[in-house]
């Protein structure tokens, strides 16, 4: 996901599903590779003074998106379970 301009991966997305005492635990994780080239990386490089803010905002967007995805998965999975 998030390939570099040369086609090699710039990020790693991981979804881990583990059994739990009741149901399962789903963990979603994102990692940006140190040399990953992306639009966000380019924006930060072009504006070093604002790089911290750019990265913070993107991190928040990614975190919010992951939480939203997991909440939807939970809602759908729980609505399809038999009693």
PDB file of N, CA and C in Angstrom:
ATOM      1  N   UNK A   1       0.849  -1.178   0.000  1.00  0.00           N
ATOM      2  CA  UNK A   1       0.000   0.000   0.000  1.00  0.00           C
ATOM      3  C   UNK A   1       0.891   1.235   0.000  1.00  0.00           C
ATOM      4  N   UNK A   2       0.489   2.231  -0.716  1.00  0.00           N
ATOM      5  CA  UNK A   2       1.269   3.460  -0.718  1.00  0.00           C
ATOM      6  C   UNK A   2       2.617   3.293  -1.384  1.00  0.00           C
ATOM      7  N   UNK A   3       2.629   2.754  -2.612  1.00  0.00           N
ATOM      8  CA  UNK A   3       3.898   2.501  -3.289  1.00  0.00           C
ATOM      9  C   UNK A   3       4.689   3.777  -3.525  1.00  0.00           C
ATOM     10  N   UNK A   4       6.000   3.598  -3.514  1.00  0.00           N
ATOM     11  CA  UNK A   4       6.892   4.701  -3.864  1.00  0.00           C
ATOM     12  C   UNK A   4       6.772   4.940  -5.357  1.00  0.00           C
ATOM     13  N   UNK A   5       7.382   5.989  -5.814  1.00  0.00           N
ATOM     14  CA  UNK A   5       7.324   6.322  -7.232  1.00  0.00           C
ATOM     15  C   UNK A   5       7.995   5.259  -8.095  1.00  0.00           C
ATOM     16  N   UNK A   6       8.908   4.486  -7.501  1.00  0.00           N
ATOM     17  CA  UNK A   6       9.568   3.423  -8.269  1.00  0.00           C
ATOM     18  C   UNK A   6       8.833   2.088  -8.142  1.00  0.00           C
ATOM     19  N   UNK A   7       7.676   2.078  -7.462  1.00  0.00           N
ATOM     20  CA  UNK A   7       6.869   0.866  -7.366  1.00  0.00           C
ATOM     21  C   UNK A   7       7.125   0.012  -6.140  1.00  0.00           C
ATOM     22  N   UNK A   8       8.137   0.336  -5.345  1.00  0.00           N
ATOM     23  CA  UNK A   8       8.401  -0.440  -4.133  1.00  0.00           C
ATOM     24  C   UNK A   8       7.527   0.081  -2.991  1.00  0.00           C
ATOM     25  N   UNK A   9       7.210  -0.774  -2.009  1.00  0.00           N
ATOM     26  CA  UNK A   9       6.305  -0.353  -0.921  1.00  0.00           C
ATOM     27  C   UNK A   9       6.874   0.800  -0.099  1.00  0.00           C
ATOM     28  N   UNK A  10       5.989   1.738   0.250  1.00  0.00           N
ATOM     29  CA  UNK A  10       6.363   2.863   1.102  1.00  0.00           C
ATOM     30  C   UNK A  10       5.795   2.696   2.504  1.00  0.00           C
ATOM     31  N   UNK A  11       4.788   1.820   2.628  1.00  0.00           N
ATOM     32  CA  UNK A  11       4.133   1.633   3.919  1.00  0.00           C
ATOM     33  C   UNK A  11       3.814   0.158   4.142  1.00  0.00           C
ATOM     34  N   UNK A  12       3.537  -0.142   5.383  1.00  0.00           N
ATOM     35  CA  UNK A  12       3.111  -1.485   5.757  1.00  0.00           C
ATOM     36  C   UNK A  12       1.806  -1.356   6.531  1.00  0.00           C
ATOM     37  N   UNK A  13       0.782  -2.048   6.090  1.00  0.00           N
ATOM     38  CA  UNK A  13      -0.487  -2.124   6.806  1.00  0.00           C
ATOM     39  C   UNK A  13      -0.607  -3.543   7.315  1.00  0.00           C
ATOM     40  N   UNK A  14      -1.002  -3.685   8.556  1.00  0.00           N
ATOM     41  CA  UNK A  14      -1.111  -5.008   9.145  1.00  0.00           C
ATOM     42  C   UNK A  14      -2.441  -5.105   9.895  1.00  0.00           C
ATOM     43  N   UNK A  15      -3.156  -6.192   9.662  1.00  0.00           N
ATOM     44  CA  UNK A  15      -4.373  -6.478  10.412  1.00  0.00           C
ATOM     45  C   UNK A  15      -4.145  -7.819  11.081  1.00  0.00           C
ATOM     46  N   UNK A  16      -4.273  -7.818  12.379  1.00  0.00           N
ATOM     47  CA  UNK A  16      -4.014  -9.021  13.173  1.00  0.00           C
ATOM     48  C   UNK A  16      -5.326  -9.420  13.863  1.00  0.00           C
ATOM     49  N   UNK A  17      -5.728 -10.678  13.709  1.00  0.00           N
ATOM     50  CA  UNK A  17      -6.942 -11.179  14.338  1.00  0.00           C
ATOM     51  C   UNK A  17      -6.539 -12.292  15.304  1.00  0.00           C
ATOM     52  N   UNK A  18      -6.902 -12.103  16.564  1.00  0.00           N
ATOM     53  CA  UNK A  18      -6.559 -13.072  17.609  1.00  0.00           C
ATOM     54  C   UNK A  18      -7.830 -13.499  18.342  1.00  0.00           C
ATOM     55  N   UNK A  19      -7.847 -14.743  18.779  1.00  0.00           N
ATOM     56  CA  UNK A  19      -8.979 -15.171  19.587  1.00  0.00           C
ATOM     57  C   UNK A  19      -8.888 -14.494  20.950  1.00  0.00           C
ATOM     58  N   UNK A  20     -10.058 -14.251  21.529  1.00  0.00           N
ATOM     59  CA  UNK A  20     -10.140 -13.621  22.849  1.00  0.00           C
ATOM     60  C   UNK A  20     -11.111 -14.443  23.693  1.00  0.00           C
ATOM     61  N   UNK A  21     -11.218 -14.117  24.957  1.00  0.00           N
ATOM     62  CA  UNK A  21     -12.124 -14.842  25.848  1.00  0.00           C
ATOM     63  C   UNK A  21     -13.543 -14.843  25.279  1.00  0.00           C
ATOM     64  N   UNK A  22     -13.948 -13.715  24.717  1.00  0.00           N
ATOM     65  CA  UNK A  22     -15.247 -13.609  24.049  1.00  0.00           C
ATOM     66  C   UNK A  22     -14.978 -13.026  22.664  1.00  0.00           C
ATOM     67  N   UNK A  23     -15.250 -13.773  21.630  1.00  0.00           N
ATOM     68  CA  UNK A  23     -15.048 -13.274  20.266  1.00  0.00           C
ATOM     69  C   UNK A  23     -13.579 -13.237  19.871  1.00  0.00           C
ATOM     70  N   UNK A  24     -13.185 -12.124  19.296  1.00  0.00           N
ATOM     71  CA  UNK A  24     -11.793 -11.976  18.847  1.00  0.00           C
ATOM     72  C   UNK A  24     -11.345 -10.531  19.051  1.00  0.00           C
ATOM     73  N   UNK A  25     -10.045 -10.344  18.937  1.00  0.00           N
ATOM     74  CA  UNK A  25      -9.448  -9.005  19.027  1.00  0.00           C
ATOM     75  C   UNK A  25      -8.823  -8.724  17.660  1.00  0.00           C
ATOM     76  N   UNK A  26      -9.182  -7.572  17.095  1.00  0.00           N
ATOM     77  CA  UNK A  26      -8.623  -7.159  15.808  1.00  0.00           C
ATOM     78  C   UNK A  26      -7.752  -5.940  16.055  1.00  0.00           C
ATOM     79  N   UNK A  27      -6.520  -6.028  15.601  1.00  0.00           N
ATOM     80  CA  UNK A  27      -5.582  -4.919  15.738  1.00  0.00           C
ATOM     81  C   UNK A  27      -5.156  -4.501  14.338  1.00  0.00           C
ATOM     82  N   UNK A  28      -5.246  -3.219  14.056  1.00  0.00           N
ATOM     83  CA  UNK A  28      -4.816  -2.698  12.770  1.00  0.00           C
ATOM     84  C   UNK A  28      -3.651  -1.755  13.023  1.00  0.00           C
ATOM     85  N   UNK A  29      -2.611  -1.868  12.184  1.00  0.00           N
ATOM     86  CA  UNK A  29      -1.403  -1.078  12.395  1.00  0.00           C
ATOM     87  C   UNK A  29      -0.906  -0.548  11.057  1.00  0.00           C
ATOM     88  N   UNK A  30      -0.324   0.621  11.101  1.00  0.00           N
ATOM     89  CA  UNK A  30       0.244   1.271   9.922  1.00  0.00           C
ATOM     90  C   UNK A  30       1.664   1.690  10.252  1.00  0.00           C
ATOM     91  N   UNK A  31       2.564   1.471   9.309  1.00  0.00           N
ATOM     92  CA  UNK A  31       3.952   1.927   9.484  1.00  0.00           C
ATOM     93  C   UNK A  31       4.432   2.516   8.172  1.00  0.00           C
ATOM     94  N   UNK A  32       4.962   3.718   8.239  1.00  0.00           N
ATOM     95  CA  UNK A  32       5.538   4.372   7.066  1.00  0.00           C
ATOM     96  C   UNK A  32       7.024   4.054   7.070  1.00  0.00           C
ATOM     97  N   UNK A  33       7.505   3.430   6.002  1.00  0.00           N
ATOM     98  CA  UNK A  33       8.920   3.092   5.937  1.00  0.00           C
ATOM     99  C   UNK A  33       9.771   4.363   5.928  1.00  0.00           C
ATOM    100  N   UNK A  34      10.949   4.321   6.571  1.00  0.00           N
ATOM    101  CA  UNK A  34      11.778   5.531   6.681  1.00  0.00           C
ATOM    102  C   UNK A  34      12.084   6.204   5.346  1.00  0.00           C
ATOM    103  N   UNK A  35      12.240   5.430   4.294  1.00  0.00           N
ATOM    104  CA  UNK A  35      12.578   6.027   3.008  1.00  0.00           C
ATOM    105  C   UNK A  35      11.389   6.018   2.054  1.00  0.00           C
ATOM    106  N   UNK A  36      10.193   5.860   2.613  1.00  0.00           N
ATOM    107  CA  UNK A  36       8.982   5.843   1.788  1.00  0.00           C
ATOM    108  C   UNK A  36       8.715   7.202   1.164  1.00  0.00           C
ATOM    109  N   UNK A  37       8.545   7.228  -0.133  1.00  0.00           N
ATOM    110  CA  UNK A  37       8.235   8.478  -0.826  1.00  0.00           C
ATOM    111  C   UNK A  37       6.732   8.561  -1.000  1.00  0.00           C
ATOM    112  N   UNK A  38       6.160   9.625  -0.541  1.00  0.00           N
ATOM    113  CA  UNK A  38       4.719   9.803  -0.649  1.00  0.00           C
ATOM    114  C   UNK A  38       4.417  11.282  -0.788  1.00  0.00           C
ATOM    115  N   UNK A  39       3.168  11.582  -1.122  1.00  0.00           N
ATOM    116  CA  UNK A  39       2.766  12.976  -1.223  1.00  0.00           C
ATOM    117  C   UNK A  39       2.954  13.706   0.092  1.00  0.00           C
ATOM    118  N   UNK A  40       2.624  13.047   1.198  1.00  0.00           N
ATOM    119  CA  UNK A  40       2.781  13.661   2.527  1.00  0.00           C
ATOM    120  C   UNK A  40       4.257  13.916   2.810  1.00  0.00           C
ATOM    121  N   UNK A  41       5.108  12.946   2.493  1.00  0.00           N
ATOM    122  CA  UNK A  41       6.553  13.123   2.698  1.00  0.00           C
ATOM    123  C   UNK A  41       7.056  14.297   1.876  1.00  0.00           C
ATOM    124  N   UNK A  42       6.612  14.406   0.631  1.00  0.00           N
ATOM    125  CA  UNK A  42       7.028  15.521  -0.222  1.00  0.00           C
ATOM    126  C   UNK A  42       6.570  16.861   0.353  1.00  0.00           C
ATOM    127  N   UNK A  43       5.319  16.918   0.859  1.00  0.00           N
ATOM    128  CA  UNK A  43       4.829  18.157   1.470  1.00  0.00           C
ATOM    129  C   UNK A  43       5.692  18.547   2.664  1.00  0.00           C
ATOM    130  N   UNK A  44       6.034  17.565   3.485  1.00  0.00           N
ATOM    131  CA  UNK A  44       6.863  17.843   4.663  1.00  0.00           C
ATOM    132  C   UNK A  44       8.258  18.311   4.249  1.00  0.00           C
ATOM    133  N   UNK A  45       8.824  17.677   3.204  1.00  0.00           N
ATOM    134  CA  UNK A  45      10.155  18.080   2.730  1.00  0.00           C
ATOM    135  C   UNK A  45      10.139  19.492   2.143  1.00  0.00           C
ATOM    136  N   UNK A  46       9.033  19.854   1.477  1.00  0.00           N
ATOM    137  CA  UNK A  46       8.927  21.174   0.856  1.00  0.00           C
ATOM    138  C   UNK A  46       8.659  22.275   1.883  1.00  0.00           C
ATOM    139  N   UNK A  47       8.158  21.891   3.051  1.00  0.00           N
ATOM    140  CA  UNK A  47       7.812  22.876   4.076  1.00  0.00           C
ATOM    141  C   UNK A  47       8.351  22.392   5.431  1.00  0.00           C
ATOM    142  N   UNK A  48       9.680  22.410   5.614  1.00  0.00           N
ATOM    143  CA  UNK A  48      10.260  21.897   6.860  1.00  0.00           C
ATOM    144  C   UNK A  48       9.697  22.549   8.122  1.00  0.00           C
ATOM    145  N   UNK A  49       9.333  23.815   8.050  1.00  0.00           N
ATOM    146  CA  UNK A  49       8.798  24.500   9.227  1.00  0.00           C
ATOM    147  C   UNK A  49       7.446  23.918   9.637  1.00  0.00           C
ATOM    148  N   UNK A  50       6.678  23.438   8.666  1.00  0.00           N
ATOM    149  CA  UNK A  50       5.364  22.891   8.962  1.00  0.00           C
ATOM    150  C   UNK A  50       5.315  21.369   8.948  1.00  0.00           C
ATOM    151  N   UNK A  51       6.478  20.741   8.811  1.00  0.00           N
ATOM    152  CA  UNK A  51       6.524  19.279   8.674  1.00  0.00           C
ATOM    153  C   UNK A  51       5.883  18.569   9.859  1.00  0.00           C
ATOM    154  N   UNK A  52       6.133  19.041  11.061  1.00  0.00           N
ATOM    155  CA  UNK A  52       5.558  18.411  12.252  1.00  0.00           C
ATOM    156  C   UNK A  52       4.044  18.417  12.202  1.00  0.00           C
ATOM    157  N   UNK A  53       3.472  19.555  11.804  1.00  0.00           N
ATOM    158  CA  UNK A  53       2.014  19.678  11.700  1.00  0.00           C
ATOM    159  C   UNK A  53       1.478  18.758  10.608  1.00  0.00           C
ATOM    160  N   UNK A  54       2.144  18.713   9.463  1.00  0.00           N
ATOM    161  CA  UNK A  54       1.713  17.869   8.342  1.00  0.00           C
ATOM    162  C   UNK A  54       1.689  16.409   8.774  1.00  0.00           C
ATOM    163  N   UNK A  55       2.737  15.964   9.418  1.00  0.00           N
ATOM    164  CA  UNK A  55       2.822  14.568   9.860  1.00  0.00           C
ATOM    165  C   UNK A  55       1.792  14.289  10.960  1.00  0.00           C
ATOM    166  N   UNK A  56       1.636  15.223  11.889  1.00  0.00           N
ATOM    167  CA  UNK A  56       0.632  15.060  12.958  1.00  0.00           C
ATOM    168  C   UNK A  56      -0.766  14.908  12.384  1.00  0.00           C
ATOM    169  N   UNK A  57      -1.108  15.764  11.425  1.00  0.00           N
ATOM    170  CA  UNK A  57      -2.443  15.706  10.818  1.00  0.00           C
ATOM    171  C   UNK A  57      -2.655  14.387  10.087  1.00  0.00           C
ATOM    172  N   UNK A  58      -1.652  13.939   9.360  1.00  0.00           N
ATOM    173  CA  UNK A  58      -1.772  12.674   8.624  1.00  0.00           C
ATOM    174  C   UNK A  58      -1.892  11.507   9.591  1.00  0.00           C
ATOM    175  N   UNK A  59      -1.134  11.537  10.665  1.00  0.00           N
ATOM    176  CA  UNK A  59      -1.214  10.481  11.679  1.00  0.00           C
ATOM    177  C   UNK A  59      -2.610  10.437  12.278  1.00  0.00           C
ATOM    178  N   UNK A  60      -3.177  11.599  12.557  1.00  0.00           N
ATOM    179  CA  UNK A  60      -4.544  11.662  13.096  1.00  0.00           C
ATOM    180  C   UNK A  60      -5.542  11.100  12.087  1.00  0.00           C
ATOM    181  N   UNK A  61      -5.415  11.480  10.821  1.00  0.00           N
ATOM    182  CA  UNK A  61      -6.309  10.963   9.776  1.00  0.00           C
ATOM    183  C   UNK A  61      -6.234   9.440   9.695  1.00  0.00           C
ATOM    184  N   UNK A  62      -5.019   8.904   9.720  1.00  0.00           N
ATOM    185  CA  UNK A  62      -4.842   7.447   9.644  1.00  0.00           C
ATOM    186  C   UNK A  62      -5.440   6.758  10.859  1.00  0.00           C
ATOM    187  N   UNK A  63      -5.193   7.311  12.026  1.00  0.00           N
ATOM    188  CA  UNK A  63      -5.725   6.725  13.264  1.00  0.00           C
ATOM    189  C   UNK A  63      -7.243   6.765  13.259  1.00  0.00           C
ATOM    190  N   UNK A  64      -7.814   7.905  12.903  1.00  0.00           N
ATOM    191  CA  UNK A  64      -9.277   8.026  12.835  1.00  0.00           C
ATOM    192  C   UNK A  64      -9.854   7.027  11.836  1.00  0.00           C
ATOM    193  N   UNK A  65      -9.210   6.880  10.699  1.00  0.00           N
ATOM    194  CA  UNK A  65      -9.673   5.933   9.684  1.00  0.00           C
ATOM    195  C   UNK A  65      -9.628   4.498  10.169  1.00  0.00           C
ATOM    196  N   UNK A  66      -8.558   4.145  10.888  1.00  0.00           N
ATOM    197  CA  UNK A  66      -8.447   2.784  11.414  1.00  0.00           C
ATOM    198  C   UNK A  66      -9.517   2.516  12.459  1.00  0.00           C
ATOM    199  N   UNK A  67      -9.745   3.486  13.340  1.00  0.00           N
ATOM    200  CA  UNK A  67     -10.786   3.329  14.371  1.00  0.00           C
ATOM    201  C   UNK A  67     -12.154   3.166  13.701  1.00  0.00           C
ATOM    202  N   UNK A  68     -12.444   3.983  12.714  1.00  0.00           N
ATOM    203  CA  UNK A  68     -13.714   3.914  11.996  1.00  0.00           C
ATOM    204  C   UNK A  68     -13.890   2.537  11.344  1.00  0.00           C
ATOM    205  N   UNK A  69     -12.853   2.056  10.670  1.00  0.00           N
ATOM    206  CA  UNK A  69     -12.908   0.737  10.017  1.00  0.00           C
ATOM    207  C   UNK A  69     -13.175  -0.361  11.037  1.00  0.00           C
ATOM    208  N   UNK A  70     -12.465  -0.336  12.152  1.00  0.00           N
ATOM    209  CA  UNK A  70     -12.645  -1.371  13.178  1.00  0.00           C
ATOM    210  C   UNK A  70     -14.043  -1.300  13.799  1.00  0.00           C
ATOM    211  N   UNK A  71     -14.551  -0.102  14.019  1.00  0.00           N
ATOM    212  CA  UNK A  71     -15.909   0.042  14.570  1.00  0.00           C
ATOM    213  C   UNK A  71     -16.948  -0.520  13.605  1.00  0.00           C
ATOM    214  N   UNK A  72     -16.795  -0.246  12.326  1.00  0.00           N
ATOM    215  CA  UNK A  72     -17.726  -0.777  11.330  1.00  0.00           C
ATOM    216  C   UNK A  72     -17.632  -2.295  11.259  1.00  0.00           C
ATOM    217  N   UNK A  73     -16.415  -2.827  11.287  1.00  0.00           N
ATOM    218  CA  UNK A  73     -16.246  -4.286  11.275  1.00  0.00           C
ATOM    219  C   UNK A  73     -16.956  -4.901  12.470  1.00  0.00           C
ATOM    220  N   UNK A  74     -16.765  -4.311  13.634  1.00  0.00           N
ATOM    221  CA  UNK A  74     -17.383  -4.819  14.859  1.00  0.00           C
ATOM    222  C   UNK A  74     -18.901  -4.803  14.732  1.00  0.00           C
ATOM    223  N   UNK A  75     -19.440  -3.686  14.279  1.00  0.00           N
ATOM    224  CA  UNK A  75     -20.891  -3.555  14.150  1.00  0.00           C
ATOM    225  C   UNK A  75     -21.444  -4.598  13.182  1.00  0.00           C
ATOM    226  N   UNK A  76     -20.813  -4.770  12.043  1.00  0.00           N
ATOM    227  CA  UNK A  76     -21.281  -5.732  11.047  1.00  0.00           C
ATOM    228  C   UNK A  76     -21.159  -7.161  11.560  1.00  0.00           C
ATOM    229  N   UNK A  77     -20.004  -7.482  12.126  1.00  0.00           N
ATOM    230  CA  UNK A  77     -19.805  -8.849  12.630  1.00  0.00           C
ATOM    231  C   UNK A  77     -20.760  -9.192  13.762  1.00  0.00           C
ATOM    232  N   UNK A  78     -20.986  -8.252  14.657  1.00  0.00           N
ATOM    233  CA  UNK A  78     -21.887  -8.519  15.768  1.00  0.00           C
ATOM    234  C   UNK A  78     -23.344  -8.604  15.314  1.00  0.00           C
ATOM    235  N   UNK A  79     -23.696  -7.918  14.247  1.00  0.00           N
ATOM    236  CA  UNK A  79     -25.087  -7.966  13.779  1.00  0.00           C
ATOM    237  C   UNK A  79     -25.394  -9.257  13.020  1.00  0.00           C
ATOM    238  N   UNK A  80     -24.350  -9.962  12.577  1.00  0.00           N
ATOM    239  CA  UNK A  80     -24.572 -11.197  11.822  1.00  0.00           C
ATOM    240  C   UNK A  80     -24.416 -12.447  12.670  1.00  0.00           C
ATOM    241  N   UNK A  81     -24.086 -12.296  13.938  1.00  0.00           N
ATOM    242  CA  UNK A  81     -23.908 -13.453  14.820  1.00  0.00           C
ATOM    243  C   UNK A  81     -25.265 -14.006  15.217  1.00  0.00           C
ATOM    244  N   UNK A  82     -25.323 -15.331  15.326  1.00  0.00           N
ATOM    245  CA  UNK A  82     -26.558 -15.937  15.817  1.00  0.00           C
ATOM    246  C   UNK A  82     -26.560 -15.876  17.348  1.00  0.00           C
ATOM    247  N   UNK A  83     -27.768 -15.788  17.955  1.00  0.00           N
ATOM    248  CA  UNK A  83     -27.862 -15.621  19.426  1.00  0.00           C
ATOM    249  C   UNK A  83     -27.357 -16.828  20.194  1.00  0.00           C
TER     250      UNK A  83
END
